C-alpha atoms as a PDB file:
ATOM      1  CA  MET A   1       3.117 -25.681  11.484  1.00  0.00           C
ATOM      2  CA  GLY A   2       2.949 -26.435   7.842  1.00  0.00           C
ATOM      3  CA  ASP A   3       5.253 -27.796   5.442  1.00  0.00           C
ATOM      4  CA  MET A   4       6.334 -26.326   1.982  1.00  0.00           C
ATOM      5  CA  LEU A   5       7.891 -28.060  -1.112  1.00  0.00           C
ATOM      6  CA  ILE A   6       9.964 -25.780  -3.313  1.00  0.00           C
ATOM      7  CA  ARG A   7      10.891 -27.355  -6.585  1.00  0.00           C
ATOM      8  CA  ASN A   8      13.632 -26.541  -8.982  1.00  0.00           C
ATOM      9  CA  ILE A   9      15.975 -24.515  -6.684  1.00  0.00           C
ATOM     10  CA  PRO A  10      19.209 -24.001  -8.579  1.00  0.00           C
ATOM     11  CA  GLU A  11      21.851 -26.120  -7.220  1.00  0.00           C
ATOM     12  CA  PRO A  12      24.297 -23.022  -6.529  1.00  0.00           C
ATOM     13  CA  LEU A  13      21.502 -21.429  -4.573  1.00  0.00           C
ATOM     14  CA  LYS A  14      20.739 -24.315  -2.507  1.00  0.00           C
ATOM     15  CA  HIS A  15      24.632 -24.769  -1.807  1.00  0.00           C
ATOM     16  CA  GLU A  16      24.932 -21.207  -0.768  1.00  0.00           C
ATOM     17  CA  ILE A  17      22.037 -21.523   1.804  1.00  0.00           C
ATOM     18  CA  GLU A  18      23.434 -24.637   3.069  1.00  0.00           C
ATOM     19  CA  GLN A  19      26.911 -23.285   3.461  1.00  0.00           C
ATOM     20  CA  THR A  20      25.363 -19.829   5.060  1.00  0.00           C
ATOM     21  CA  ALA A  21      23.242 -22.080   7.474  1.00  0.00           C
ATOM     22  CA  GLN A  22      26.290 -24.116   8.462  1.00  0.00           C
ATOM     23  CA  ARG A  23      28.398 -21.021   9.390  1.00  0.00           C
ATOM     24  CA  GLY A  24      25.516 -19.807  11.248  1.00  0.00           C
ATOM     25  CA  GLY A  25      24.952 -22.989  13.200  1.00  0.00           C
ATOM     26  CA  GLN A  26      21.319 -23.448  11.604  1.00  0.00           C
ATOM     27  CA  SER A  27      19.514 -26.228   9.712  1.00  0.00           C
ATOM     28  CA  LEU A  28      18.844 -25.705   5.977  1.00  0.00           C
ATOM     29  CA  SER A  29      15.201 -25.581   6.749  1.00  0.00           C
ATOM     30  CA  ARG A  30      15.710 -22.924   9.543  1.00  0.00           C
ATOM     31  CA  LYS A  31      17.740 -20.727   7.277  1.00  0.00           C
ATOM     32  CA  ALA A  32      15.410 -21.093   4.372  1.00  0.00           C
ATOM     33  CA  ILE A  33      12.561 -19.795   6.713  1.00  0.00           C
ATOM     34  CA  ASP A  34      14.820 -17.001   7.857  1.00  0.00           C
ATOM     35  CA  LEU A  35      15.387 -15.939   4.448  1.00  0.00           C
ATOM     36  CA  LEU A  36      11.696 -16.090   3.137  1.00  0.00           C
ATOM     37  CA  ARG A  37      10.934 -14.021   6.178  1.00  0.00           C
ATOM     38  CA  LYS A  38      13.425 -11.428   5.351  1.00  0.00           C
ATOM     39  CA  GLY A  39      12.496 -11.465   1.855  1.00  0.00           C
ATOM     40  CA  MET A  40       8.642 -10.877   2.724  1.00  0.00           C
ATOM     41  CA  ILE A  41       9.759  -8.009   4.941  1.00  0.00           C
ATOM     42  CA  ALA A  42      11.808  -6.188   2.308  1.00  0.00           C
ATOM     43  CA  GLU A  43       8.887  -6.895  -0.202  1.00  0.00           C
ATOM     44  CA  LYS A  44       6.393  -5.331   2.072  1.00  0.00           C
ATOM     45  CA  GLU A  45       8.634  -2.271   2.756  1.00  0.00           C
ATOM     46  CA  SER A  46       9.428  -1.594  -0.785  1.00  0.00           C
ATOM     47  CA  ARG A  47       5.871  -1.051  -1.758  1.00  0.00           C
ATOM     48  CA  PRO A  48       3.463   1.589  -0.581  1.00  0.00           C
ATOM     49  CA  GLU A  49       0.319   0.701   1.464  1.00  0.00           C
ATOM     50  CA  PRO A  50      -2.557   0.149  -0.907  1.00  0.00           C
ATOM     51  CA  GLY A  51      -5.378   2.563  -0.118  1.00  0.00           C
ATOM     52  CA  VAL A  52      -3.437   5.481   1.070  1.00  0.00           C
ATOM     53  CA  SER A  53      -4.587   8.609  -0.881  1.00  0.00           C
ATOM     54  CA  ALA A  54      -2.251  11.761  -1.563  1.00  0.00           C
ATOM     55  CA  TRP A  55      -4.360  13.691   0.977  1.00  0.00           C
ATOM     56  CA  ASP A  56      -3.707  11.005   3.616  1.00  0.00           C
ATOM     57  CA  ALA A  57      -0.069  10.803   2.819  1.00  0.00           C
ATOM     58  CA  ILE A  58       0.335  14.504   3.062  1.00  0.00           C
ATOM     59  CA  ARG A  59      -1.718  14.648   6.025  1.00  0.00           C
ATOM     60  CA  GLY A  60       0.667  12.067   7.530  1.00  0.00           C
ATOM     61  CA  ALA A  61       3.707  14.398   6.951  1.00  0.00           C
ATOM     62  CA  PHE A  62       2.073  17.453   8.352  1.00  0.00           C
ATOM     63  CA  ALA A  63       0.972  15.177  11.495  1.00  0.00           C
ATOM     64  CA  ALA A  64       4.590  13.930  11.787  1.00  0.00           C
ATOM     65  CA  GLU A  65       5.714  17.690  12.276  1.00  0.00           C
ATOM     66  CA  ASN A  66       2.676  18.696  14.461  1.00  0.00           C
ATOM     67  CA  ALA A  67       1.370  20.979  11.764  1.00  0.00           C
ATOM     68  CA  ILE A  68      -2.247  19.741  11.720  1.00  0.00           C
ATOM     69  CA  GLY A  69      -4.601  22.512  12.032  1.00  0.00           C
ATOM     70  CA  ASP A  70      -6.057  25.310   9.779  1.00  0.00           C
ATOM     71  CA  GLU A  71      -2.770  26.067   8.150  1.00  0.00           C
ATOM     72  CA  PHE A  72      -2.773  22.346   6.985  1.00  0.00           C
ATOM     73  CA  ALA A  73      -6.561  22.828   5.728  1.00  0.00           C
ATOM     74  CA  GLU A  74      -5.706  26.033   3.723  1.00  0.00           C
ATOM     75  CA  ILE A  75      -2.720  24.341   2.052  1.00  0.00           C
ATOM     76  CA  MET A  76      -4.800  21.556   1.029  1.00  0.00           C
ATOM     77  CA  ASP A  77      -7.457  23.899  -0.370  1.00  0.00           C
ATOM     78  CA  GLU A  78      -4.821  25.797  -2.329  1.00  0.00           C
ATOM     79  CA  ILE A  79      -3.431  22.365  -3.720  1.00  0.00           C
ATOM     80  CA  GLU A  80      -6.865  21.213  -4.479  1.00  0.00           C
ATOM     81  CA  ALA A  81      -7.941  24.507  -6.194  1.00  0.00           C
ATOM     82  CA  GLU A  82      -4.526  24.500  -8.273  1.00  0.00           C
ATOM     83  CA  ARG A  83      -5.282  21.004  -9.440  1.00  0.00           C
ATOM     84  CA  LYS A  84      -8.669  21.778 -10.646  1.00  0.00           C
ATOM     85  CA  ARG A  85      -7.152  24.782 -12.509  1.00  0.00           C
ATOM     86  CA  ASP A  86      -4.692  22.544 -14.298  1.00  0.00           C
ATOM     87  CA  PHE A  87      -7.277  19.903 -14.781  1.00  0.00           C
ATOM     88  CA  GLY A  88      -7.441  19.578 -18.713  1.00  0.00           C
ATOM     89  CA  ARG A  89      -4.402  21.603 -19.837  1.00  0.00           C
ATOM     90  CA  PRO A  90      -2.144  20.082 -22.388  1.00  0.00           C
ATOM     91  CA  VAL A  91       0.773  18.422 -20.934  1.00  0.00           C
ATOM     92  CA  LYS A  92       4.039  20.175 -21.789  1.00  0.00           C
ATOM     93  CA  ASP A  93       6.784  18.218 -23.628  1.00  0.00           C
ATOM     94  CA  PHE A  94      10.142  17.982 -21.948  1.00  0.00           C
ATOM     95  CA  GLU A  95      12.505  17.167 -24.314  1.00  0.00           C
END
């Protein structure tokens, strides 16, 4: 396992982590690792997966409802046709 040194932690934050660790029967290091892991999970969940196209996202929604088939293809063709018709139209101002 590796080590990590984190500099310039505000004293109140360090104290809060220490108190939380003591209440939970953990060491400061164990509690810090736990909080870092939870923070990484929360950050990962809050941002969309890179590389997922709108087509794939919509297809995923249809797949979750077992609605993949000819109907899906027709709907996506209609969406694509509408997108092409709208391309180049001036954007309306919503004031």
